[in-house]
Amino acid sequence: MNNVWDNLNKNIMDTPNQNFRYVEWKSSDEMHYSCLQWISELNFIKDEQVFFQDMLKEYTVPILESHLLEEAKSLIFKLTDSEKQVEDLLKETTKHRNGLQILLDGIDQPDQEKQYREEHKLLLKEVNNFTKKYQTLKKEIFKTVSTALKQQKQKKPIELSLNNQKP
């Protein structure tokens, strides 16, 4: 059963050109809720990014010993870049949420309302694209740290056995 959901999730995430026509039908309440969800998710990602920065610092020695320094540098660069992106997306999303008043003010402004819905659609794509890339980055970080720790763990028994040999 779990594989069915994994495959469905993978297929949804791998869809290159998603069509978001349903945004045109969303009510202002639904769009507001979407914005709140995005903001919550982006704030969670910010917390995760701090965790990943700390994790890469904490495991510097195993990373060095495993000759994964270049890979770790690349990951730190990508993580720093994603921190900037999440800040930008948070600002954009908050501004967008605050602009929702155009749909709620009771004044018929079809051009502005259409523009707001288009912005919502674009923001939806941006947030989805960012989260997909961020998920890939998370996997790369865990894989690198895991590889470093495994290699360090394998070296310890060898070092212990070498130290216990009598000359």
Foldseek 3Di string as FASTA:
>chain_A
DVVVVVVVVVVVLPDDDDDDPCLVVDALVRLLVVLVVLLVVLVVVLVVLVVLVVLCVVLVVLLVVVVNVVVSVVLVVVSVVLNVVSVVLNVLSVVLSVVSVVRVVPDDDPVVVVVSSVSSVVSVVSSSVSVSVVVVSVVSSCVSSVVSVVVVVVVVVVVVVVVPDDD
